[in-house]
PDB file of N, CA and C in Angstrom:
ATOM      1  N   MET A   1     -17.901 -25.773 -27.907  1.00  0.00           N
ATOM      2  CA  MET A   1     -17.883 -24.661 -26.537  1.00  0.00           C
ATOM      3  C   MET A   1     -18.520 -23.286 -26.668  1.00  0.00           C
ATOM      4  N   ASN A   2     -19.777 -23.191 -26.064  1.00  0.00           N
ATOM      5  CA  ASN A   2     -20.614 -22.035 -26.444  1.00  0.00           C
ATOM      6  C   ASN A   2     -20.190 -20.921 -25.209  1.00  0.00           C
ATOM      7  N   LEU A   3     -19.614 -19.959 -25.357  1.00  0.00           N
ATOM      8  CA  LEU A   3     -19.301 -18.951 -24.801  1.00  0.00           C
ATOM      9  C   LEU A   3     -19.929 -18.009 -24.332  1.00  0.00           C
ATOM     10  N   LEU A   4     -21.330 -17.973 -25.121  1.00  0.00           N
ATOM     11  CA  LEU A   4     -22.341 -17.034 -25.113  1.00  0.00           C
ATOM     12  C   LEU A   4     -23.810 -17.251 -24.688  1.00  0.00           C
ATOM     13  N   ALA A   5     -23.587 -18.476 -23.712  1.00  0.00           N
ATOM     14  CA  ALA A   5     -24.898 -19.344 -23.001  1.00  0.00           C
ATOM     15  C   ALA A   5     -25.436 -18.385 -21.913  1.00  0.00           C
ATOM     16  N   GLU A   6     -26.417 -19.076 -22.224  1.00  0.00           N
ATOM     17  CA  GLU A   6     -27.758 -18.381 -21.335  1.00  0.00           C
ATOM     18  C   GLU A   6     -26.984 -18.040 -19.701  1.00  0.00           C
ATOM     19  N   ILE A   7     -27.390 -16.927 -18.937  1.00  0.00           N
ATOM     20  CA  ILE A   7     -26.937 -16.602 -17.798  1.00  0.00           C
ATOM     21  C   ILE A   7     -28.140 -17.011 -16.734  1.00  0.00           C
ATOM     22  N   THR A   8     -28.267 -17.771 -15.979  1.00  0.00           N
ATOM     23  CA  THR A   8     -29.211 -17.844 -14.926  1.00  0.00           C
ATOM     24  C   THR A   8     -28.609 -17.049 -13.668  1.00  0.00           C
ATOM     25  N   TYR A   9     -29.286 -16.380 -12.905  1.00  0.00           N
ATOM     26  CA  TYR A   9     -29.270 -15.887 -11.566  1.00  0.00           C
ATOM     27  C   TYR A   9     -30.205 -15.925 -10.682  1.00  0.00           C
ATOM     28  N   ASP A  10     -29.935 -16.718  -9.989  1.00  0.00           N
ATOM     29  CA  ASP A  10     -31.011 -16.531  -8.683  1.00  0.00           C
ATOM     30  C   ASP A  10     -30.951 -15.813  -7.423  1.00  0.00           C
ATOM     31  N   GLY A  11     -30.213 -14.658  -7.373  1.00  0.00           N
ATOM     32  CA  GLY A  11     -30.297 -13.629  -6.500  1.00  0.00           C
ATOM     33  C   GLY A  11     -29.591 -13.683  -5.160  1.00  0.00           C
ATOM     34  N   GLU A  12     -28.832 -14.954  -5.082  1.00  0.00           N
ATOM     35  CA  GLU A  12     -27.758 -14.422  -4.323  1.00  0.00           C
ATOM     36  C   GLU A  12     -26.388 -15.197  -4.640  1.00  0.00           C
ATOM     37  N   LEU A  13     -25.516 -14.621  -3.932  1.00  0.00           N
ATOM     38  CA  LEU A  13     -24.130 -14.590  -3.919  1.00  0.00           C
ATOM     39  C   LEU A  13     -23.827 -16.454  -3.455  1.00  0.00           C
ATOM     40  N   SER A  14     -22.645 -17.099  -4.126  1.00  0.00           N
ATOM     41  CA  SER A  14     -22.365 -18.430  -3.435  1.00  0.00           C
ATOM     42  C   SER A  14     -21.417 -18.210  -2.331  1.00  0.00           C
ATOM     43  N   ALA A  15     -20.678 -19.301  -2.031  1.00  0.00           N
ATOM     44  CA  ALA A  15     -20.288 -19.309  -0.700  1.00  0.00           C
ATOM     45  C   ALA A  15     -18.956 -18.858  -1.125  1.00  0.00           C
ATOM     46  N   TRP A  16     -18.210 -19.179  -2.307  1.00  0.00           N
ATOM     47  CA  TRP A  16     -16.864 -18.456  -2.824  1.00  0.00           C
ATOM     48  C   TRP A  16     -17.123 -16.781  -2.812  1.00  0.00           C
ATOM     49  N   ALA A  17     -18.137 -16.713  -3.537  1.00  0.00           N
ATOM     50  CA  ALA A  17     -18.490 -15.094  -3.583  1.00  0.00           C
ATOM     51  C   ALA A  17     -18.466 -14.225  -1.916  1.00  0.00           C
ATOM     52  N   TYR A  18     -19.181 -15.236  -1.057  1.00  0.00           N
ATOM     53  CA  TYR A  18     -19.223 -14.557   0.398  1.00  0.00           C
ATOM     54  C   TYR A  18     -17.637 -14.562   0.837  1.00  0.00           C
ATOM     55  N   GLY A  19     -17.001 -15.536   0.466  1.00  0.00           N
ATOM     56  CA  GLY A  19     -15.507 -15.573   0.909  1.00  0.00           C
ATOM     57  C   GLY A  19     -14.465 -14.518   0.637  1.00  0.00           C
ATOM     58  N   ILE A  20     -14.698 -14.336  -0.736  1.00  0.00           N
ATOM     59  CA  ILE A  20     -13.822 -13.270  -1.298  1.00  0.00           C
ATOM     60  C   ILE A  20     -14.359 -12.024  -0.727  1.00  0.00           C
ATOM     61  N   LEU A  21     -15.203 -11.723  -0.649  1.00  0.00           N
ATOM     62  CA  LEU A  21     -15.713 -10.431  -0.084  1.00  0.00           C
ATOM     63  C   LEU A  21     -15.552 -10.219   1.052  1.00  0.00           C
ATOM     64  N   ALA A  22     -15.514 -11.402   2.053  1.00  0.00           N
ATOM     65  CA  ALA A  22     -15.168 -11.021   3.214  1.00  0.00           C
ATOM     66  C   ALA A  22     -13.649 -10.992   3.754  1.00  0.00           C
ATOM     67  N   GLY A  23     -13.001 -11.787   2.649  1.00  0.00           N
ATOM     68  CA  GLY A  23     -11.481 -11.407   2.678  1.00  0.00           C
ATOM     69  C   GLY A  23     -10.995 -10.003   2.362  1.00  0.00           C
ATOM     70  N   MET A  24     -11.710  -9.643   1.032  1.00  0.00           N
ATOM     71  CA  MET A  24     -11.372  -8.227   0.666  1.00  0.00           C
ATOM     72  C   MET A  24     -11.720  -7.164   1.652  1.00  0.00           C
ATOM     73  N   PHE A  25     -12.550  -7.453   2.633  1.00  0.00           N
ATOM     74  CA  PHE A  25     -12.883  -6.241   3.608  1.00  0.00           C
ATOM     75  C   PHE A  25     -12.323  -6.454   4.494  1.00  0.00           C
ATOM     76  N   LEU A  26     -11.765  -7.648   4.860  1.00  0.00           N
ATOM     77  CA  LEU A  26     -10.686  -7.868   5.985  1.00  0.00           C
ATOM     78  C   LEU A  26      -9.308  -7.172   5.774  1.00  0.00           C
ATOM     79  N   ILE A  27      -8.928  -7.479   4.324  1.00  0.00           N
ATOM     80  CA  ILE A  27      -7.545  -6.762   3.749  1.00  0.00           C
ATOM     81  C   ILE A  27      -7.808  -5.296   4.022  1.00  0.00           C
ATOM     82  N   ILE A  28      -8.989  -4.607   3.336  1.00  0.00           N
ATOM     83  CA  ILE A  28      -8.916  -3.203   3.342  1.00  0.00           C
ATOM     84  C   ILE A  28      -8.937  -2.658   4.873  1.00  0.00           C
ATOM     85  N   VAL A  29      -9.817  -3.406   5.592  1.00  0.00           N
ATOM     86  CA  VAL A  29     -10.174  -2.837   7.237  1.00  0.00           C
ATOM     87  C   VAL A  29      -8.594  -2.881   7.567  1.00  0.00           C
ATOM     88  N   GLY A  30      -8.263  -3.760   7.581  1.00  0.00           N
ATOM     89  CA  GLY A  30      -6.574  -4.293   7.845  1.00  0.00           C
ATOM     90  C   GLY A  30      -5.521  -3.280   7.534  1.00  0.00           C
ATOM     91  N   GLY A  31      -5.674  -3.099   6.615  1.00  0.00           N
ATOM     92  CA  GLY A  31      -4.654  -2.069   5.964  1.00  0.00           C
ATOM     93  C   GLY A  31      -4.820  -0.749   6.481  1.00  0.00           C
ATOM     94  N   LEU A  32      -6.274  -0.282   6.483  1.00  0.00           N
ATOM     95  CA  LEU A  32      -6.326   0.984   7.244  1.00  0.00           C
ATOM     96  C   LEU A  32      -6.144   1.126   8.680  1.00  0.00           C
ATOM     97  N   CYS A  33      -6.232   0.256   9.424  1.00  0.00           N
ATOM     98  CA  CYS A  33      -5.789   0.096  10.812  1.00  0.00           C
ATOM     99  C   CYS A  33      -4.530  -0.028  10.688  1.00  0.00           C
ATOM    100  N   TRP A  34      -3.817  -0.688   9.987  1.00  0.00           N
ATOM    101  CA  TRP A  34      -2.204  -0.765  10.288  1.00  0.00           C
ATOM    102  C   TRP A  34      -1.593   0.514  10.035  1.00  0.00           C
ATOM    103  N   CYS A  35      -2.470   1.339   8.743  1.00  0.00           N
ATOM    104  CA  CYS A  35      -1.943   2.630   8.432  1.00  0.00           C
ATOM    105  C   CYS A  35      -1.814   3.617   9.183  1.00  0.00           C
ATOM    106  N   PHE A  36      -3.428   3.486  10.307  1.00  0.00           N
ATOM    107  CA  PHE A  36      -3.441   4.513  11.208  1.00  0.00           C
ATOM    108  C   PHE A  36      -2.452   4.180  12.277  1.00  0.00           C
ATOM    109  N   TYR A  37      -2.438   2.966  12.460  1.00  0.00           N
ATOM    110  CA  TYR A  37      -1.314   2.723  13.743  1.00  0.00           C
ATOM    111  C   TYR A  37       0.143   3.208  13.384  1.00  0.00           C
ATOM    112  N   ARG A  38       0.545   2.972  12.318  1.00  0.00           N
ATOM    113  CA  ARG A  38       2.056   3.333  11.684  1.00  0.00           C
ATOM    114  C   ARG A  38       2.058   4.873  11.877  1.00  0.00           C
ATOM    115  N   ALA A  39       0.820   5.889  11.459  1.00  0.00           N
ATOM    116  CA  ALA A  39       0.642   7.101  11.591  1.00  0.00           C
ATOM    117  C   ALA A  39       0.516   7.594  12.927  1.00  0.00           C
ATOM    118  N   LEU A  40       0.224   7.101  13.857  1.00  0.00           N
ATOM    119  CA  LEU A  40       0.108   7.326  15.341  1.00  0.00           C
ATOM    120  C   LEU A  40       1.771   7.124  15.637  1.00  0.00           C
ATOM    121  N   THR A  41       1.919   6.036  15.745  1.00  0.00           N
ATOM    122  CA  THR A  41       3.480   5.846  16.142  1.00  0.00           C
ATOM    123  C   THR A  41       4.569   6.469  15.761  1.00  0.00           C
ATOM    124  N   ALA A  42       4.385   6.854  14.307  1.00  0.00           N
ATOM    125  CA  ALA A  42       5.495   7.816  13.801  1.00  0.00           C
ATOM    126  C   ALA A  42       5.486   9.427  14.332  1.00  0.00           C
ATOM    127  N   ALA A  43       3.929   9.660  14.461  1.00  0.00           N
ATOM    128  CA  ALA A  43       3.853  11.086  15.411  1.00  0.00           C
ATOM    129  C   ALA A  43       4.235  10.915  16.661  1.00  0.00           C
ATOM    130  N   SER A  44       4.268   9.984  17.221  1.00  0.00           N
ATOM    131  CA  SER A  44       4.558  10.140  18.626  1.00  0.00           C
ATOM    132  C   SER A  44       6.026   9.897  19.049  1.00  0.00           C
ATOM    133  N   LYS A  45       6.630   9.486  18.284  1.00  0.00           N
ATOM    134  CA  LYS A  45       8.249   9.106  18.044  1.00  0.00           C
ATOM    135  C   LYS A  45       9.222  10.297  18.663  1.00  0.00           C
ATOM    136  N   ASP A  46       9.536  10.265  19.786  1.00  0.00           N
ATOM    137  CA  ASP A  46      10.579  11.506  20.138  1.00  0.00           C
ATOM    138  C   ASP A  46       9.649  12.669  20.565  1.00  0.00           C
ATOM    139  N   ALA A  47       8.400  12.609  20.922  1.00  0.00           N
ATOM    140  CA  ALA A  47       7.852  13.774  21.336  1.00  0.00           C
ATOM    141  C   ALA A  47       7.649  13.822  22.750  1.00  0.00           C
ATOM    142  N   SER A  48       7.699  15.173  23.030  1.00  0.00           N
ATOM    143  CA  SER A  48       7.854  15.654  24.566  1.00  0.00           C
ATOM    144  C   SER A  48       6.402  15.836  24.584  1.00  0.00           C
ATOM    145  N   GLU A  49       5.879  15.972  25.972  1.00  0.00           N
ATOM    146  CA  GLU A  49       4.723  16.329  26.233  1.00  0.00           C
ATOM    147  C   GLU A  49       4.324  17.869  26.026  1.00  0.00           C
ATOM    148  N   GLN A  50       3.235  18.004  25.478  1.00  0.00           N
ATOM    149  CA  GLN A  50       2.571  19.317  25.280  1.00  0.00           C
ATOM    150  C   GLN A  50       2.151  20.133  26.452  1.00  0.00           C
ATOM    151  N   PHE A  51       2.324  21.337  26.602  1.00  0.00           N
ATOM    152  CA  PHE A  51       1.748  22.040  27.702  1.00  0.00           C
ATOM    153  C   PHE A  51       0.768  22.988  27.138  1.00  0.00           C
ATOM    154  N   PRO A  52       0.031  23.823  27.802  1.00  0.00           N
ATOM    155  CA  PRO A  52      -0.770  24.839  27.016  1.00  0.00           C
ATOM    156  C   PRO A  52       0.132  26.210  27.602  1.00  0.00           C
ATOM    157  N   ASP A  53       0.018  26.988  26.396  1.00  0.00           N
ATOM    158  CA  ASP A  53       0.861  28.381  26.514  1.00  0.00           C
ATOM    159  C   ASP A  53       0.516  29.121  27.803  1.00  0.00           C
ATOM    160  N   ASP A  54       1.025  29.746  28.599  1.00  0.00           N
ATOM    161  CA  ASP A  54       0.811  30.900  29.605  1.00  0.00           C
ATOM    162  C   ASP A  54      -0.037  32.034  28.682  1.00  0.00           C
ATOM    163  N   VAL A  55      -1.266  32.451  29.125  1.00  0.00           N
ATOM    164  CA  VAL A  55      -1.700  33.667  28.612  1.00  0.00           C
ATOM    165  C   VAL A  55      -1.695  34.838  29.433  1.00  0.00           C
TER     166      VAL A  55
END
């Protein structure tokens, strides 16, 4: 078994590579959206409406 075989690269990703790339993109974007949603719901919990101060 030759572990140092010559690597040929044709300049394109395989279908598996595109699938993994899309999956990681969805995980990252989904995680950021979930974090933003959690932050907004935590900030608005038990919050009363804010009015401008009288000047």
